[in-house]
């Protein structure tokens, strides 16, 4: 499907609020882009959009509408690349905002050349921004080792978290003094690319072990970071902030360890079958996860990285859960 068909439908959402009427993030533009990436025909996009229409409310005047219009004007004047390079250093300080959805929406806009969606993603990051601090400890660790220390250490043994929704729970964890004292920095002497790969492998393992909704967002947000990599001036700093958000997600779902994989029914389907199944799903997060897994898995050599096989298993797992 040509990009024009997708852009036509995304531009038609220009009057929609960034949150659904139930308070969750408005996933519709992101899901339409993910369906497009998976090979959906235009009529499939229209059918999915219609199923979501009852959840969508009109865009109210206010800070988000103002910032969205402002970023669109900046992109029209200066160009997308200049705006991204200028704004991302500040906005990525709050990359966990809206449960990673500002980051994810921005990346979909970049992937498909949808400037209105680039502006919308930047506006979400700006309006809902809650700064994630840089780690301050002297110790260093890899991703899996860091999660094990959070699980097996005593620093968070008595910490309690009450907010039920992903967005509120992540902010609650990030504000907890015990959490901020317990999280060590990710070891960046590996280099930013290798550090990202370590996080992606660990995120996939965490999802395979838990099937958790929050863990799913780690995979899709790491995909988004990779899409935005060319415009991130200091990737090591961005990953340091992401590391705290990553650990907050791990704590929010109960610090499971060891991360033992869930059994899957039967052999792994081929990517063609996985993508076809995702195209038929009615679940926002199933569609987006399979898209991210598919896109990322094909960037790495299965002979030198375990990530492609892990992502294929994650896609199969979320689709199996979607049918039960």
Foldseek 3Di string as FASTA:
>chain_A
DDLVLLLVVLVVCLFWAQAWPVGAGDLLNLLSLLLVLLPDDSVLNVVLCVVCVVRIDTHDDDQLNVQLVVQLVCCVVPNDLVSLLVQVVVLLQQCCFSNNVLLLQLLSCLVSVNSSSVSNSSSSSVPRGDGQDFQDDPDEDAQVVQLVCVQPPCLCVPPDFDDDDSNVQLVVLSPDPSLSVRGHFYDCVVPLVVSLQRQLVVLLLQCQQPVDPSSLSSLSSSLSCVSCVVSDPDSSRSVSSVSSSSSSSCVSVPSDPDSDGDDAPDDQDDLNVLSVLLSPASDSSLSSLSSSLVVVLVVDDVVVGVSNVSSSVSSRVVSVVRVD
